[in-house]
Each structure stands twice: as C-alpha cells, then as structure tokens.
C-alpha cells in the first residue's frame, strides 16, 4: 500500500482478522471502497467491524449517525473517524 498511515495498517489488519477475509491487509487500498465494488462488504460485515472497532478503539459507530455512510466509505475515511473519536 502506498502512503499508508500506521493506523490504516492496523485497522486493515483488524478488518481482515475480524471478517476472516482471504486477503492480506496490505492489499486494502486506503481510498478504495469497503462496500460494493471495493472489498464487497455488506451490512453484516459493517456490524462486525463496528463491534471490533468499539472494542479496539473505544469508538462506537452508530447506524443512526448521519455520517455513517461517509465513515465506512473507505479505509482512510474510517481511520480518520477513529482518530477523531477514539477513547483508547
């Protein structure tokens, strides 16, 4: 991955481990979509990721958050939200 922050590498690893993806964390492009044409994740994956992020970083992602679609749009967007809102 080019221009990846340490947090992005860490969260990519968390995503791969949590969702048991058959991909190396380094192959998740920071700006690529996580859902649909990107990694192909779905709403169940979002729920599992939310729980793992809450445990790891103390950041509770809520489905009623008006920014949730933007937050989950890419690894970089997700990490930006985690960096702003984390408690751990």
Protein backbone atom coordinates (compact mmCIF):
# COMPACT_ATOMS: atom_id res chain seq x y z
CA UNK A 1 0.00 0.00 0.00
CA UNK A 2 1.25 3.45 -0.84
CA UNK A 3 1.10 6.32 1.64
CA UNK A 4 -0.49 4.30 4.43
CA UNK A 5 -0.53 5.55 7.99
CA UNK A 6 0.22 3.24 10.91
CA UNK A 7 -3.44 3.47 11.97
CA UNK A 8 -4.58 2.48 8.47
CA UNK A 9 -2.30 -0.56 8.53
CA UNK A 10 -3.58 -1.50 11.98
CA UNK A 11 -7.26 -1.11 11.04
CA UNK A 12 -6.75 -3.01 7.77
CA UNK A 13 -5.39 -5.89 9.85
CA UNK A 14 -8.35 -5.64 12.21
CA UNK A 15 -10.79 -5.76 9.27
CA UNK A 16 -9.10 -8.81 7.72
CA UNK A 17 -8.97 -10.64 11.04
CA UNK A 18 -12.49 -9.73 12.15
CA UNK A 19 -14.12 -10.64 8.86
CA UNK A 20 -11.79 -13.58 8.13
CA UNK A 21 -11.03 -12.15 4.69
CA UNK A 22 -8.82 -14.07 2.30
CA UNK A 23 -6.72 -11.00 1.55
CA UNK A 24 -3.58 -9.53 3.03
CA UNK A 25 -4.19 -6.30 4.97
CA UNK A 26 -1.57 -4.60 2.80
CA UNK A 27 -3.78 -5.17 -0.25
CA UNK A 28 -6.58 -2.97 1.09
CA UNK A 29 -6.13 0.35 -0.69
CA UNK A 30 -6.77 3.30 1.67
CA UNK A 31 -9.08 5.13 -0.76
CA UNK A 32 -10.86 2.08 -2.24
CA UNK A 33 -14.50 1.49 -1.28
CA UNK A 34 -15.04 -1.01 1.51
CA UNK A 35 -18.51 -1.96 0.26
CA UNK A 36 -19.88 -2.86 -3.16
CA UNK A 37 -17.23 -2.82 -5.87
CA UNK A 38 -14.39 -2.46 -3.35
CA UNK A 39 -13.96 -5.25 -0.81
CA UNK A 40 -17.55 -6.31 -1.37
CA UNK A 41 -18.52 -5.99 2.29
CA UNK A 42 -22.17 -5.95 3.39
CA UNK A 43 -24.24 -4.72 6.34
CA UNK A 44 -23.40 -7.75 8.49
CA UNK A 45 -19.71 -7.05 7.89
CA UNK A 46 -20.32 -3.42 8.94
CA UNK A 47 -21.85 -4.62 12.20
CA UNK A 48 -18.94 -6.96 12.91
CA UNK A 49 -16.43 -4.22 12.09
CA UNK A 50 -18.28 -1.77 14.34
CA UNK A 51 -18.05 -4.16 17.28
CA UNK A 52 -14.35 -4.81 16.70
CA UNK A 53 -13.60 -1.08 16.38
CA UNK A 54 -15.53 -0.36 19.56
CA UNK A 55 -13.50 -2.97 21.45
CA UNK A 56 -10.16 -1.92 20.00
CA UNK A 57 -10.53 1.86 19.99
CA UNK A 58 -13.50 2.71 22.20
CA UNK A 59 -15.24 4.37 19.24
CA UNK A 60 -18.89 3.40 18.94
CA UNK A 61 -20.12 3.55 15.37
CA UNK A 62 -23.87 4.07 15.28
CA UNK A 63 -26.17 3.22 12.40
CA UNK A 64 -28.21 6.39 13.07
CA UNK A 65 -25.15 8.63 12.66
CA UNK A 66 -25.80 10.83 9.60
CA UNK A 67 -22.12 10.46 8.62
CA UNK A 68 -22.03 6.64 8.83
CA UNK A 69 -22.02 6.13 5.06
CA UNK A 70 -19.09 8.51 4.68
CA UNK A 71 -17.30 6.92 7.67
CA UNK A 72 -17.49 3.48 6.07
CA UNK A 73 -16.72 4.71 2.55
CA UNK A 74 -13.04 3.70 2.65
CA UNK A 75 -10.28 2.57 4.98
CA UNK A 76 -8.92 6.13 5.05
CA UNK A 77 -12.32 7.64 5.96
CA UNK A 78 -12.85 5.02 8.65
CA UNK A 79 -9.41 5.65 10.15
CA UNK A 80 -9.97 9.40 10.08
CA UNK A 81 -13.17 8.94 12.12
CA UNK A 82 -11.42 6.56 14.53
CA UNK A 83 -8.56 9.04 15.02
CA UNK A 84 -11.04 11.83 15.85
CA UNK A 85 -13.31 9.83 18.14
CA UNK A 86 -11.27 7.08 19.75
CA UNK A 87 -11.07 6.77 23.52
CA UNK A 88 -8.42 4.04 23.63
